[in-house]
Amino acid sequence: MLKESPKVSIIIPTHNRSQSLLQTLKSIGHMEYPQDEFEVIVVDDGSTDDTSHMLDKFSQRVPFPFRYGRQKNEGISSARNRGIKMSRGEILAFTDDDCIVASDWLKHLTAHLNSDDVGVVGGPEKIPQIGPLLSRCVGYIVNSFVGAAGLFRGEGLRLGIFYPKGCNMALSKRVLNEVGLFDEKLMPGEDVELAYRIRKAGYKIKYASDATVVHQRKISLKEFLTKTYGVGYFRAILGLKHWGFLQVAHLIPAACFITFLVLAVGWLFLSWHPLVFILPVTAYILTIMGSGVHAALWLKDVRALFFISFLLPLHHLSHALGFLTGIIHCIFGILR
């Protein structure tokens, strides 16, 4: 059983996001949590912008215990692991350098770690009401049922088990010492893989619906599709490495891609009835358009109707290609 305000180490990996990192740190300074009961550790993963200068200035006027380290660009998993090794807290909380934490974020997140059988806690990421429309649409997709089968939410409709994401999660150092650090070979997927190992070790995963962060993504279309491809790729790798990790939702994009491909070949070259292909494609298009309407209402921007209708098929396709590539690479022993 943890005391009411346990000693917490908040770990933030960063790379070339000095201004958004500064906003993250400022939001932490406004938390409703005793400032002598937590520390903040930033690990600069080889930034080439003014991150180092910003951190030097911030450390001179910071209102809470603060330290930072610097390493060459080795990836987010390596940066998180270095932060863990630097930490002094009995609880480790993680967020990203483009997130704004709520004032009661840490209070609610750590409150769910009040039992020895709870291994890891995660909270929701909110979509900002202002900012680039592409970034907000990406946020909508990864938090929607049609975009990600609801897997990144711990409540509501979803097709599988909720695993916390690295932008909003906390666990005890005792549990981490038992299951091991983040897998530095994985990116993306290192956060859910760690949560899976914690669950496999017999611990519960808790969802803290009131421990919110606003994820202010600044992402290009190419970066979004590359990351989605990587998510599909490493889900295949993890699914073959940990059979219990693979979920039905992980298979759906690749299964739909193969199904549409087979139906198209059958229609065009094997004289199958056109409706065999047209009906499922029409159903898919209507689903995408419905998501576009919902996104436009949710984001309060009619342009989202067109953005989502364009982005969702690309999102599904890139995930499918990444997943199938991962399976092929595993079969032939070729790992990225």
C-alpha atoms as a PDB file:
ATOM      1  CA  MET A   1       0.000   0.000   0.000  1.00  0.00           C
ATOM      2  CA  LEU A   2       1.377   3.375  -1.036  1.00  0.00           C
ATOM      3  CA  LYS A   3       1.104   6.512   1.050  1.00  0.00           C
ATOM      4  CA  GLU A   4      -1.222   9.316  -0.093  1.00  0.00           C
ATOM      5  CA  SER A   5       1.495  11.300  -1.883  1.00  0.00           C
ATOM      6  CA  PRO A   6       4.232   8.834  -2.805  1.00  0.00           C
ATOM      7  CA  LYS A   7       7.594   9.948  -4.077  1.00  0.00           C
ATOM      8  CA  VAL A   8       7.243  10.027  -7.843  1.00  0.00           C
ATOM      9  CA  SER A   9       9.749  10.402 -10.644  1.00  0.00           C
ATOM     10  CA  ILE A  10       8.184  11.921 -13.778  1.00  0.00           C
ATOM     11  CA  ILE A  11      10.267  10.873 -16.784  1.00  0.00           C
ATOM     12  CA  ILE A  12      10.083  12.732 -20.096  1.00  0.00           C
ATOM     13  CA  PRO A  13      12.124  11.689 -23.143  1.00  0.00           C
ATOM     14  CA  THR A  14      12.615  14.448 -25.699  1.00  0.00           C
ATOM     15  CA  HIS A  15      14.052  15.022 -29.141  1.00  0.00           C
ATOM     16  CA  ASN A  16      14.027  18.360 -30.992  1.00  0.00           C
ATOM     17  CA  ARG A  17      10.875  19.712 -29.349  1.00  0.00           C
ATOM     18  CA  SER A  18      12.210  22.426 -27.093  1.00  0.00           C
ATOM     19  CA  GLN A  19       9.150  24.681 -27.203  1.00  0.00           C
ATOM     20  CA  SER A  20       6.537  21.988 -26.679  1.00  0.00           C
ATOM     21  CA  LEU A  21       8.728  20.458 -23.951  1.00  0.00           C
ATOM     22  CA  LEU A  22       8.764  23.814 -22.182  1.00  0.00           C
ATOM     23  CA  GLN A  23       4.943  23.853 -22.211  1.00  0.00           C
ATOM     24  CA  THR A  24       4.926  20.319 -20.797  1.00  0.00           C
ATOM     25  CA  LEU A  25       7.224  21.357 -17.956  1.00  0.00           C
ATOM     26  CA  LYS A  26       5.129  24.445 -17.221  1.00  0.00           C
ATOM     27  CA  SER A  27       1.989  22.320 -16.973  1.00  0.00           C
ATOM     28  CA  ILE A  28       3.751  20.046 -14.470  1.00  0.00           C
ATOM     29  CA  GLY A  29       4.555  23.117 -12.395  1.00  0.00           C
ATOM     30  CA  HIS A  30       0.816  23.802 -12.065  1.00  0.00           C
ATOM     31  CA  MET A  31      -0.074  20.347 -10.750  1.00  0.00           C
ATOM     32  CA  GLU A  32      -2.036  19.869  -7.545  1.00  0.00           C
ATOM     33  CA  TYR A  33       0.610  17.678  -5.985  1.00  0.00           C
ATOM     34  CA  PRO A  34       3.150  18.415  -3.231  1.00  0.00           C
ATOM     35  CA  GLN A  35       6.237  19.679  -5.030  1.00  0.00           C
ATOM     36  CA  ASP A  36       8.548  18.006  -2.539  1.00  0.00           C
ATOM     37  CA  GLU A  37       6.953  14.632  -3.333  1.00  0.00           C
ATOM     38  CA  PHE A  38       7.933  14.391  -6.989  1.00  0.00           C
ATOM     39  CA  GLU A  39      10.891  15.024  -9.250  1.00  0.00           C
ATOM     40  CA  VAL A  40      11.059  15.586 -13.003  1.00  0.00           C
ATOM     41  CA  ILE A  41      13.698  13.938 -15.152  1.00  0.00           C
ATOM     42  CA  VAL A  42      14.135  14.952 -18.790  1.00  0.00           C
ATOM     43  CA  VAL A  43      16.347  12.857 -21.049  1.00  0.00           C
ATOM     44  CA  ASP A  44      17.460  14.658 -24.199  1.00  0.00           C
ATOM     45  CA  ASP A  45      17.806  12.017 -26.894  1.00  0.00           C
ATOM     46  CA  GLY A  46      20.402  13.774 -29.044  1.00  0.00           C
ATOM     47  CA  SER A  47      18.452  16.935 -29.897  1.00  0.00           C
ATOM     48  CA  THR A  48      20.000  19.294 -32.421  1.00  0.00           C
ATOM     49  CA  ASP A  49      17.731  22.276 -31.676  1.00  0.00           C
ATOM     50  CA  ASP A  50      17.959  24.592 -28.647  1.00  0.00           C
ATOM     51  CA  THR A  51      16.665  21.982 -26.174  1.00  0.00           C
ATOM     52  CA  SER A  52      19.901  21.986 -24.151  1.00  0.00           C
ATOM     53  CA  HIS A  53      19.875  25.794 -23.844  1.00  0.00           C
ATOM     54  CA  MET A  54      16.193  25.804 -22.870  1.00  0.00           C
ATOM     55  CA  LEU A  55      16.755  23.180 -20.175  1.00  0.00           C
ATOM     56  CA  ASP A  56      19.718  25.088 -18.762  1.00  0.00           C
ATOM     57  CA  LYS A  57      17.562  28.214 -18.415  1.00  0.00           C
ATOM     58  CA  PHE A  58      14.580  26.316 -17.050  1.00  0.00           C
ATOM     59  CA  SER A  59      16.670  24.539 -14.406  1.00  0.00           C
ATOM     60  CA  GLN A  60      17.667  27.927 -12.935  1.00  0.00           C
ATOM     61  CA  ARG A  61      14.088  28.879 -12.055  1.00  0.00           C
ATOM     62  CA  VAL A  62      12.284  25.555 -11.769  1.00  0.00           C
ATOM     63  CA  PRO A  63       9.859  25.339  -8.797  1.00  0.00           C
ATOM     64  CA  PHE A  64      10.242  21.561  -8.302  1.00  0.00           C
ATOM     65  CA  PRO A  65      13.128  19.047  -8.132  1.00  0.00           C
ATOM     66  CA  PHE A  66      14.446  18.791 -11.668  1.00  0.00           C
ATOM     67  CA  ARG A  67      17.289  17.008 -13.424  1.00  0.00           C
ATOM     68  CA  TYR A  68      18.112  16.248 -17.010  1.00  0.00           C
ATOM     69  CA  GLY A  69      20.495  14.033 -18.901  1.00  0.00           C
ATOM     70  CA  ARG A  70      21.688  13.961 -22.462  1.00  0.00           C
ATOM     71  CA  GLN A  71      22.566  11.063 -24.738  1.00  0.00           C
ATOM     72  CA  LYS A  72      23.192  10.496 -28.402  1.00  0.00           C
ATOM     73  CA  ASN A  73      20.110   9.752 -30.494  1.00  0.00           C
ATOM     74  CA  GLU A  74      19.321   6.167 -29.438  1.00  0.00           C
ATOM     75  CA  GLY A  75      15.527   6.250 -29.437  1.00  0.00           C
ATOM     76  CA  ILE A  76      12.696   6.829 -27.005  1.00  0.00           C
ATOM     77  CA  SER A  77      13.038   3.457 -25.239  1.00  0.00           C
ATOM     78  CA  SER A  78      16.685   4.101 -24.468  1.00  0.00           C
ATOM     79  CA  ALA A  79      15.856   7.616 -23.235  1.00  0.00           C
ATOM     80  CA  ARG A  80      13.121   6.299 -20.934  1.00  0.00           C
ATOM     81  CA  ASN A  81      15.458   3.629 -19.574  1.00  0.00           C
ATOM     82  CA  ARG A  82      18.111   6.220 -18.839  1.00  0.00           C
ATOM     83  CA  GLY A  83      15.514   8.295 -17.009  1.00  0.00           C
ATOM     84  CA  ILE A  84      14.555   5.233 -14.962  1.00  0.00           C
ATOM     85  CA  LYS A  85      18.178   4.687 -13.977  1.00  0.00           C
ATOM     86  CA  MET A  86      18.428   8.343 -12.914  1.00  0.00           C
ATOM     87  CA  SER A  87      15.203   8.219 -10.888  1.00  0.00           C
ATOM     88  CA  ARG A  88      14.845   8.239  -7.117  1.00  0.00           C
ATOM     89  CA  GLY A  89      11.084   7.762  -6.808  1.00  0.00           C
ATOM     90  CA  GLU A  90       9.211   4.639  -5.787  1.00  0.00           C
ATOM     91  CA  ILE A  91       6.697   5.383  -8.551  1.00  0.00           C
ATOM     92  CA  LEU A  92       7.640   6.130 -12.146  1.00  0.00           C
ATOM     93  CA  ALA A  93       5.291   8.281 -14.220  1.00  0.00           C
ATOM     94  CA  PHE A  94       5.779   8.871 -17.926  1.00  0.00           C
ATOM     95  CA  THR A  95       4.587  11.505 -20.346  1.00  0.00           C
ATOM     96  CA  ASP A  96       5.826  12.895 -23.653  1.00  0.00           C
ATOM     97  CA  ASP A  97       7.379  16.190 -24.667  1.00  0.00           C
ATOM     98  CA  ASP A  98       4.274  17.227 -26.629  1.00  0.00           C
ATOM     99  CA  CYS A  99       1.746  16.649 -23.838  1.00  0.00           C
ATOM    100  CA  ILE A 100       0.071  19.059 -21.442  1.00  0.00           C
ATOM    101  CA  VAL A 101      -0.801  17.351 -18.169  1.00  0.00           C
ATOM    102  CA  ALA A 102      -3.933  18.267 -16.219  1.00  0.00           C
ATOM    103  CA  SER A 103      -3.486  19.876 -12.824  1.00  0.00           C
ATOM    104  CA  ASP A 104      -4.780  16.715 -11.114  1.00  0.00           C
ATOM    105  CA  TRP A 105      -3.036  14.293 -13.500  1.00  0.00           C
ATOM    106  CA  LEU A 106      -0.448  12.877 -11.113  1.00  0.00           C
ATOM    107  CA  LYS A 107      -2.852  12.763  -8.178  1.00  0.00           C
ATOM    108  CA  HIS A 108      -5.344  10.610 -10.072  1.00  0.00           C
ATOM    109  CA  LEU A 109      -2.701   8.485 -11.797  1.00  0.00           C
ATOM    110  CA  THR A 110      -0.932   7.496  -8.585  1.00  0.00           C
ATOM    111  CA  ALA A 111      -4.200   6.988  -6.693  1.00  0.00           C
ATOM    112  CA  HIS A 112      -4.805   3.852  -8.754  1.00  0.00           C
ATOM    113  CA  LEU A 113      -1.483   2.376  -7.620  1.00  0.00           C
ATOM    114  CA  ASN A 114      -2.876   1.844  -4.120  1.00  0.00           C
ATOM    115  CA  SER A 115      -2.746  -1.933  -4.222  1.00  0.00           C
ATOM    116  CA  ASP A 116       0.162  -4.344  -4.573  1.00  0.00           C
ATOM    117  CA  ASP A 117      -1.649  -6.293  -7.295  1.00  0.00           C
ATOM    118  CA  VAL A 118      -1.864  -3.258  -9.615  1.00  0.00           C
ATOM    119  CA  GLY A 119       1.113  -3.258 -11.956  1.00  0.00           C
ATOM    120  CA  VAL A 120       0.582  -0.299 -14.269  1.00  0.00           C
ATOM    121  CA  VAL A 121      -1.896   2.541 -14.691  1.00  0.00           C
ATOM    122  CA  GLY A 122      -2.726   4.501 -17.832  1.00  0.00           C
ATOM    123  CA  GLY A 123      -4.935   7.461 -18.586  1.00  0.00           C
ATOM    124  CA  PRO A 124      -6.580   9.022 -21.637  1.00  0.00           C
ATOM    125  CA  GLU A 125      -5.063  11.482 -24.063  1.00  0.00           C
ATOM    126  CA  LYS A 126      -7.337  14.315 -25.083  1.00  0.00           C
ATOM    127  CA  ILE A 127      -7.419  15.924 -28.522  1.00  0.00           C
ATOM    128  CA  PRO A 128      -6.624  19.661 -28.439  1.00  0.00           C
ATOM    129  CA  GLN A 129      -9.413  21.949 -29.581  1.00  0.00           C
ATOM    130  CA  ILE A 130      -6.964  24.179 -31.406  1.00  0.00           C
ATOM    131  CA  GLY A 131      -3.913  23.407 -33.519  1.00  0.00           C
ATOM    132  CA  PRO A 132      -3.136  21.998 -36.976  1.00  0.00           C
ATOM    133  CA  LEU A 133      -6.141  20.100 -38.315  1.00  0.00           C
ATOM    134  CA  LEU A 134      -3.985  17.207 -39.528  1.00  0.00           C
ATOM    135  CA  SER A 135      -2.595  16.677 -36.026  1.00  0.00           C
ATOM    136  CA  ARG A 136      -6.054  16.831 -34.471  1.00  0.00           C
ATOM    137  CA  CYS A 137      -7.396  14.355 -37.034  1.00  0.00           C
ATOM    138  CA  VAL A 138      -4.514  11.990 -36.254  1.00  0.00           C
ATOM    139  CA  GLY A 139      -5.430  12.276 -32.574  1.00  0.00           C
ATOM    140  CA  TYR A 140      -9.027  11.450 -33.435  1.00  0.00           C
ATOM    141  CA  ILE A 141      -8.023   8.394 -35.478  1.00  0.00           C
ATOM    142  CA  VAL A 142      -5.783   6.807 -32.849  1.00  0.00           C
ATOM    143  CA  ASN A 143      -8.477   7.302 -30.189  1.00  0.00           C
ATOM    144  CA  SER A 144     -11.449   6.174 -32.302  1.00  0.00           C
ATOM    145  CA  PHE A 145     -13.023   2.743 -32.686  1.00  0.00           C
ATOM    146  CA  VAL A 146     -12.764   2.708 -36.488  1.00  0.00           C
ATOM    147  CA  GLY A 147      -9.186   3.970 -36.383  1.00  0.00           C
ATOM    148  CA  ALA A 148      -7.721   1.800 -33.621  1.00  0.00           C
ATOM    149  CA  ALA A 149     -10.541  -0.507 -32.431  1.00  0.00           C
ATOM    150  CA  GLY A 150     -10.689   1.474 -29.187  1.00  0.00           C
ATOM    151  CA  LEU A 151      -7.509  -0.194 -27.919  1.00  0.00           C
ATOM    152  CA  PHE A 152      -5.998   3.065 -26.673  1.00  0.00           C
ATOM    153  CA  ARG A 153      -8.965   3.701 -24.385  1.00  0.00           C
ATOM    154  CA  GLY A 154      -9.644   1.873 -21.171  1.00  0.00           C
ATOM    155  CA  GLU A 155     -13.388   2.463 -21.345  1.00  0.00           C
ATOM    156  CA  GLY A 156     -16.144   2.243 -23.937  1.00  0.00           C
ATOM    157  CA  LEU A 157     -16.301  -0.026 -26.958  1.00  0.00           C
ATOM    158  CA  ARG A 158     -13.042  -1.739 -27.877  1.00  0.00           C
ATOM    159  CA  LEU A 159     -11.900  -4.989 -29.455  1.00  0.00           C
ATOM    160  CA  GLY A 160      -9.248  -6.108 -27.035  1.00  0.00           C
ATOM    161  CA  ILE A 161      -7.222  -5.396 -23.917  1.00  0.00           C
ATOM    162  CA  PHE A 162      -6.227  -1.876 -22.950  1.00  0.00           C
ATOM    163  CA  TYR A 163      -2.479  -1.346 -22.567  1.00  0.00           C
ATOM    164  CA  PRO A 164      -1.274   2.082 -21.361  1.00  0.00           C
ATOM    165  CA  LYS A 165       0.733   4.314 -23.685  1.00  0.00           C
ATOM    166  CA  GLY A 166       4.007   5.978 -22.787  1.00  0.00           C
ATOM    167  CA  CYS A 167       2.508   9.458 -22.980  1.00  0.00           C
ATOM    168  CA  ASN A 168       0.348   8.776 -19.926  1.00  0.00           C
ATOM    169  CA  MET A 169       1.289   5.894 -17.667  1.00  0.00           C
ATOM    170  CA  ALA A 170       2.675   5.102 -14.228  1.00  0.00           C
ATOM    171  CA  LEU A 171       4.008   2.044 -12.434  1.00  0.00           C
ATOM    172  CA  SER A 172       5.971   1.212  -9.313  1.00  0.00           C
ATOM    173  CA  LYS A 173       9.716   0.748  -9.520  1.00  0.00           C
ATOM    174  CA  ARG A 174       9.248  -2.512  -7.630  1.00  0.00           C
ATOM    175  CA  VAL A 175       7.211  -3.950 -10.520  1.00  0.00           C
ATOM    176  CA  LEU A 176       9.657  -2.631 -13.090  1.00  0.00           C
ATOM    177  CA  ASN A 177      12.562  -4.277 -11.283  1.00  0.00           C
ATOM    178  CA  GLU A 178      10.662  -7.548 -11.530  1.00  0.00           C
ATOM    179  CA  VAL A 179       9.718  -7.459 -15.240  1.00  0.00           C
ATOM    180  CA  GLY A 180      12.606  -5.439 -16.696  1.00  0.00           C
ATOM    181  CA  LEU A 181      13.064  -2.155 -18.573  1.00  0.00           C
ATOM    182  CA  PHE A 182      11.649  -0.968 -21.893  1.00  0.00           C
ATOM    183  CA  ASP A 183      12.784  -3.076 -24.846  1.00  0.00           C
ATOM    184  CA  GLU A 184      15.168  -0.756 -26.695  1.00  0.00           C
ATOM    185  CA  LYS A 185      14.792  -2.739 -29.929  1.00  0.00           C
ATOM    186  CA  LEU A 186      11.145  -1.718 -30.189  1.00  0.00           C
ATOM    187  CA  MET A 187       9.881   1.628 -31.477  1.00  0.00           C
ATOM    188  CA  PRO A 188       6.963   2.057 -31.574  1.00  0.00           C
ATOM    189  CA  GLY A 189       5.379  -0.555 -29.345  1.00  0.00           C
ATOM    190  CA  GLU A 190       7.831  -0.449 -26.443  1.00  0.00           C
ATOM    191  CA  ASP A 191       5.221   0.884 -24.016  1.00  0.00           C
ATOM    192  CA  VAL A 192       2.492  -1.679 -24.705  1.00  0.00           C
ATOM    193  CA  GLU A 193       5.081  -4.485 -24.720  1.00  0.00           C
ATOM    194  CA  LEU A 194       6.182  -3.474 -21.227  1.00  0.00           C
ATOM    195  CA  ALA A 195       2.549  -3.330 -20.074  1.00  0.00           C
ATOM    196  CA  TYR A 196       1.991  -6.779 -21.580  1.00  0.00           C
ATOM    197  CA  ARG A 197       4.935  -8.208 -19.609  1.00  0.00           C
ATOM    198  CA  ILE A 198       3.530  -6.646 -16.440  1.00  0.00           C
ATOM    199  CA  ARG A 199       0.136  -8.237 -17.079  1.00  0.00           C
ATOM    200  CA  LYS A 200       1.767 -11.573 -17.897  1.00  0.00           C
ATOM    201  CA  ALA A 201       3.580 -11.412 -14.556  1.00  0.00           C
ATOM    202  CA  GLY A 202       0.163 -11.491 -12.865  1.00  0.00           C
ATOM    203  CA  TYR A 203      -0.449  -7.801 -12.192  1.00  0.00           C
ATOM    204  CA  LYS A 204      -3.588  -5.842 -13.015  1.00  0.00           C
ATOM    205  CA  ILE A 205      -3.761  -2.963 -15.493  1.00  0.00           C
ATOM    206  CA  LYS A 206      -5.832   0.001 -14.320  1.00  0.00           C
ATOM    207  CA  TYR A 207      -7.376   2.782 -16.376  1.00  0.00           C
ATOM    208  CA  ALA A 208      -7.502   6.206 -14.725  1.00  0.00           C
ATOM    209  CA  SER A 209     -10.145   8.057 -16.727  1.00  0.00           C
ATOM    210  CA  ASP A 210      -9.590  11.244 -14.743  1.00  0.00           C
ATOM    211  CA  ALA A 211      -5.780  11.329 -15.236  1.00  0.00           C
ATOM    212  CA  THR A 212      -5.742  13.227 -18.523  1.00  0.00           C
ATOM    213  CA  VAL A 213      -3.125  14.718 -20.796  1.00  0.00           C
ATOM    214  CA  VAL A 214      -3.690  16.812 -23.902  1.00  0.00           C
ATOM    215  CA  HIS A 215      -1.536  15.377 -26.686  1.00  0.00           C
ATOM    216  CA  GLN A 216      -0.473  18.267 -28.908  1.00  0.00           C
ATOM    217  CA  ARG A 217       0.913  16.320 -31.840  1.00  0.00           C
ATOM    218  CA  LYS A 218       2.773  18.153 -34.562  1.00  0.00           C
ATOM    219  CA  ILE A 219       3.046  15.541 -37.260  1.00  0.00           C
ATOM    220  CA  SER A 220       3.245  15.411 -41.041  1.00  0.00           C
ATOM    221  CA  LEU A 221       1.334  12.974 -43.219  1.00  0.00           C
ATOM    222  CA  LYS A 222       4.543  11.083 -43.977  1.00  0.00           C
ATOM    223  CA  GLU A 223       5.428  10.819 -40.269  1.00  0.00           C
ATOM    224  CA  PHE A 224       1.923   9.610 -39.428  1.00  0.00           C
ATOM    225  CA  LEU A 225       1.918   6.877 -42.076  1.00  0.00           C
ATOM    226  CA  THR A 226       5.475   5.833 -41.213  1.00  0.00           C
ATOM    227  CA  LYS A 227       4.517   5.474 -37.547  1.00  0.00           C
ATOM    228  CA  THR A 228       1.336   3.569 -38.432  1.00  0.00           C
ATOM    229  CA  TYR A 229       3.389   1.215 -40.605  1.00  0.00           C
ATOM    230  CA  GLY A 230       5.762   0.740 -37.668  1.00  0.00           C
ATOM    231  CA  VAL A 231       2.885  -0.017 -35.292  1.00  0.00           C
ATOM    232  CA  GLY A 232       1.628  -2.727 -37.654  1.00  0.00           C
ATOM    233  CA  TYR A 233       5.130  -4.095 -38.139  1.00  0.00           C
ATOM    234  CA  PHE A 234       5.954  -4.393 -34.459  1.00  0.00           C
ATOM    235  CA  ARG A 235       2.515  -5.755 -33.576  1.00  0.00           C
ATOM    236  CA  ALA A 236       3.323  -8.663 -35.879  1.00  0.00           C
ATOM    237  CA  ILE A 237       6.779  -9.043 -34.301  1.00  0.00           C
ATOM    238  CA  LEU A 238       5.363  -8.895 -30.773  1.00  0.00           C
ATOM    239  CA  GLY A 239       2.502 -11.214 -31.661  1.00  0.00           C
ATOM    240  CA  LEU A 240       4.941 -13.873 -32.801  1.00  0.00           C
ATOM    241  CA  LYS A 241       7.263 -13.226 -29.843  1.00  0.00           C
ATOM    242  CA  HIS A 242       4.462 -13.184 -27.229  1.00  0.00           C
ATOM    243  CA  TRP A 243       1.521 -15.285 -28.422  1.00  0.00           C
ATOM    244  CA  GLY A 244      -0.706 -13.823 -25.723  1.00  0.00           C
ATOM    245  CA  PHE A 245      -0.093 -10.301 -26.985  1.00  0.00           C
ATOM    246  CA  LEU A 246      -1.786 -10.669 -30.377  1.00  0.00           C
ATOM    247  CA  GLN A 247      -5.395  -9.477 -30.456  1.00  0.00           C
ATOM    248  CA  VAL A 248      -8.157  -9.776 -33.038  1.00  0.00           C
ATOM    249  CA  ALA A 249      -8.050  -6.026 -33.633  1.00  0.00           C
ATOM    250  CA  HIS A 250      -4.400  -6.278 -34.713  1.00  0.00           C
ATOM    251  CA  LEU A 251      -5.404  -8.634 -37.534  1.00  0.00           C
ATOM    252  CA  ILE A 252      -8.350  -6.683 -38.949  1.00  0.00           C
ATOM    253  CA  PRO A 253      -6.523  -4.200 -41.271  1.00  0.00           C
ATOM    254  CA  ALA A 254      -4.363  -6.925 -42.830  1.00  0.00           C
ATOM    255  CA  ALA A 255      -7.325  -9.313 -43.096  1.00  0.00           C
ATOM    256  CA  CYS A 256      -9.440  -6.644 -44.810  1.00  0.00           C
ATOM    257  CA  PHE A 257      -6.607  -5.783 -47.190  1.00  0.00           C
ATOM    258  CA  ILE A 258      -6.151  -9.417 -48.218  1.00  0.00           C
ATOM    259  CA  THR A 259      -9.926  -9.912 -48.513  1.00  0.00           C
ATOM    260  CA  PHE A 260     -10.390  -6.870 -50.761  1.00  0.00           C
ATOM    261  CA  LEU A 261      -7.418  -7.970 -52.855  1.00  0.00           C
ATOM    262  CA  VAL A 262      -8.842 -11.482 -53.321  1.00  0.00           C
ATOM    263  CA  LEU A 263     -12.312 -10.152 -54.140  1.00  0.00           C
ATOM    264  CA  ALA A 264     -10.887  -7.688 -56.658  1.00  0.00           C
ATOM    265  CA  VAL A 265      -8.918 -10.439 -58.393  1.00  0.00           C
ATOM    266  CA  GLY A 266     -11.972 -12.670 -58.415  1.00  0.00           C
ATOM    267  CA  TRP A 267     -14.151  -9.957 -59.931  1.00  0.00           C
ATOM    268  CA  LEU A 268     -11.644  -8.760 -62.525  1.00  0.00           C
ATOM    269  CA  PHE A 269     -10.063 -12.052 -63.591  1.00  0.00           C
ATOM    270  CA  LEU A 270     -12.226 -14.955 -62.419  1.00  0.00           C
ATOM    271  CA  SER A 271     -15.668 -13.731 -63.494  1.00  0.00           C
ATOM    272  CA  TRP A 272     -17.020 -13.445 -59.959  1.00  0.00           C
ATOM    273  CA  HIS A 273     -20.204 -11.423 -59.601  1.00  0.00           C
ATOM    274  CA  PRO A 274     -19.359  -7.702 -59.243  1.00  0.00           C
ATOM    275  CA  LEU A 275     -21.452  -7.420 -56.068  1.00  0.00           C
ATOM    276  CA  VAL A 276     -19.018  -9.747 -54.306  1.00  0.00           C
ATOM    277  CA  PHE A 277     -16.512  -6.886 -54.449  1.00  0.00           C
ATOM    278  CA  ILE A 278     -18.800  -3.852 -54.596  1.00  0.00           C
ATOM    279  CA  LEU A 279     -20.904  -4.577 -51.490  1.00  0.00           C
ATOM    280  CA  PRO A 280     -18.056  -4.889 -48.950  1.00  0.00           C
ATOM    281  CA  VAL A 281     -16.237  -1.920 -50.489  1.00  0.00           C
ATOM    282  CA  THR A 282     -19.422   0.167 -50.274  1.00  0.00           C
ATOM    283  CA  ALA A 283     -19.861  -0.851 -46.629  1.00  0.00           C
ATOM    284  CA  TYR A 284     -16.264   0.194 -45.924  1.00  0.00           C
ATOM    285  CA  ILE A 285     -16.703   3.553 -47.668  1.00  0.00           C
ATOM    286  CA  LEU A 286     -19.890   4.263 -45.715  1.00  0.00           C
ATOM    287  CA  THR A 287     -18.082   3.407 -42.465  1.00  0.00           C
ATOM    288  CA  ILE A 288     -15.262   5.793 -43.344  1.00  0.00           C
ATOM    289  CA  MET A 289     -17.715   8.556 -44.258  1.00  0.00           C
ATOM    290  CA  GLY A 290     -19.603   8.014 -41.004  1.00  0.00           C
ATOM    291  CA  SER A 291     -16.343   8.397 -39.101  1.00  0.00           C
ATOM    292  CA  GLY A 292     -15.674  11.588 -41.039  1.00  0.00           C
ATOM    293  CA  VAL A 293     -19.028  13.026 -39.994  1.00  0.00           C
ATOM    294  CA  HIS A 294     -18.412  12.064 -36.371  1.00  0.00           C
ATOM    295  CA  ALA A 295     -14.935  13.613 -36.473  1.00  0.00           C
ATOM    296  CA  ALA A 296     -16.295  16.849 -37.944  1.00  0.00           C
ATOM    297  CA  LEU A 297     -18.801  17.098 -35.094  1.00  0.00           C
ATOM    298  CA  TRP A 298     -16.268  16.058 -32.434  1.00  0.00           C
ATOM    299  CA  LEU A 299     -13.538  18.410 -33.635  1.00  0.00           C
ATOM    300  CA  LYS A 300     -16.057  21.128 -34.532  1.00  0.00           C
ATOM    301  CA  ASP A 301     -14.506  21.570 -37.964  1.00  0.00           C
ATOM    302  CA  VAL A 302     -16.307  20.536 -41.155  1.00  0.00           C
ATOM    303  CA  ARG A 303     -12.967  20.050 -42.911  1.00  0.00           C
ATOM    304  CA  ALA A 304     -12.396  17.000 -40.723  1.00  0.00           C
ATOM    305  CA  LEU A 305     -15.028  15.182 -42.788  1.00  0.00           C
ATOM    306  CA  PHE A 306     -12.698  15.256 -45.783  1.00  0.00           C
ATOM    307  CA  PHE A 307      -9.477  14.816 -43.822  1.00  0.00           C
ATOM    308  CA  ILE A 308     -10.713  11.706 -42.012  1.00  0.00           C
ATOM    309  CA  SER A 309     -12.201  10.219 -45.188  1.00  0.00           C
ATOM    310  CA  PHE A 310      -8.756  10.554 -46.756  1.00  0.00           C
ATOM    311  CA  LEU A 311      -6.604   9.603 -43.748  1.00  0.00           C
ATOM    312  CA  LEU A 312      -8.445   6.545 -42.435  1.00  0.00           C
ATOM    313  CA  PRO A 313      -7.982   4.352 -45.537  1.00  0.00           C
ATOM    314  CA  LEU A 314      -4.286   5.312 -45.648  1.00  0.00           C
ATOM    315  CA  HIS A 315      -4.020   4.548 -41.936  1.00  0.00           C
ATOM    316  CA  HIS A 316      -5.570   1.100 -42.400  1.00  0.00           C
ATOM    317  CA  LEU A 317      -3.451   0.365 -45.486  1.00  0.00           C
ATOM    318  CA  SER A 318      -0.148   1.379 -43.887  1.00  0.00           C
ATOM    319  CA  HIS A 319      -0.918  -0.690 -40.777  1.00  0.00           C
ATOM    320  CA  ALA A 320      -1.826  -3.694 -42.946  1.00  0.00           C
ATOM    321  CA  LEU A 321       1.361  -3.435 -44.993  1.00  0.00           C
ATOM    322  CA  GLY A 322       3.479  -3.059 -41.854  1.00  0.00           C
ATOM    323  CA  PHE A 323       1.806  -6.058 -40.212  1.00  0.00           C
ATOM    324  CA  LEU A 324       2.215  -8.296 -43.277  1.00  0.00           C
ATOM    325  CA  THR A 325       5.834  -7.178 -43.706  1.00  0.00           C
ATOM    326  CA  GLY A 326       6.526  -8.009 -40.057  1.00  0.00           C
ATOM    327  CA  ILE A 327       5.117 -11.511 -40.493  1.00  0.00           C
ATOM    328  CA  ILE A 328       7.195 -12.080 -43.645  1.00  0.00           C
ATOM    329  CA  HIS A 329      10.344 -10.828 -41.935  1.00  0.00           C
ATOM    330  CA  CYS A 330       9.742 -13.133 -38.972  1.00  0.00           C
ATOM    331  CA  ILE A 331       9.188 -16.128 -41.236  1.00  0.00           C
ATOM    332  CA  PHE A 332      12.397 -15.495 -43.166  1.00  0.00           C
ATOM    333  CA  GLY A 333      14.376 -14.257 -40.169  1.00  0.00           C
ATOM    334  CA  ILE A 334      14.800 -10.709 -41.476  1.00  0.00           C
ATOM    335  CA  LEU A 335      14.172  -8.232 -38.668  1.00  0.00           C
ATOM    336  CA  ARG A 336      14.287  -4.480 -39.078  1.00  0.00           C
END
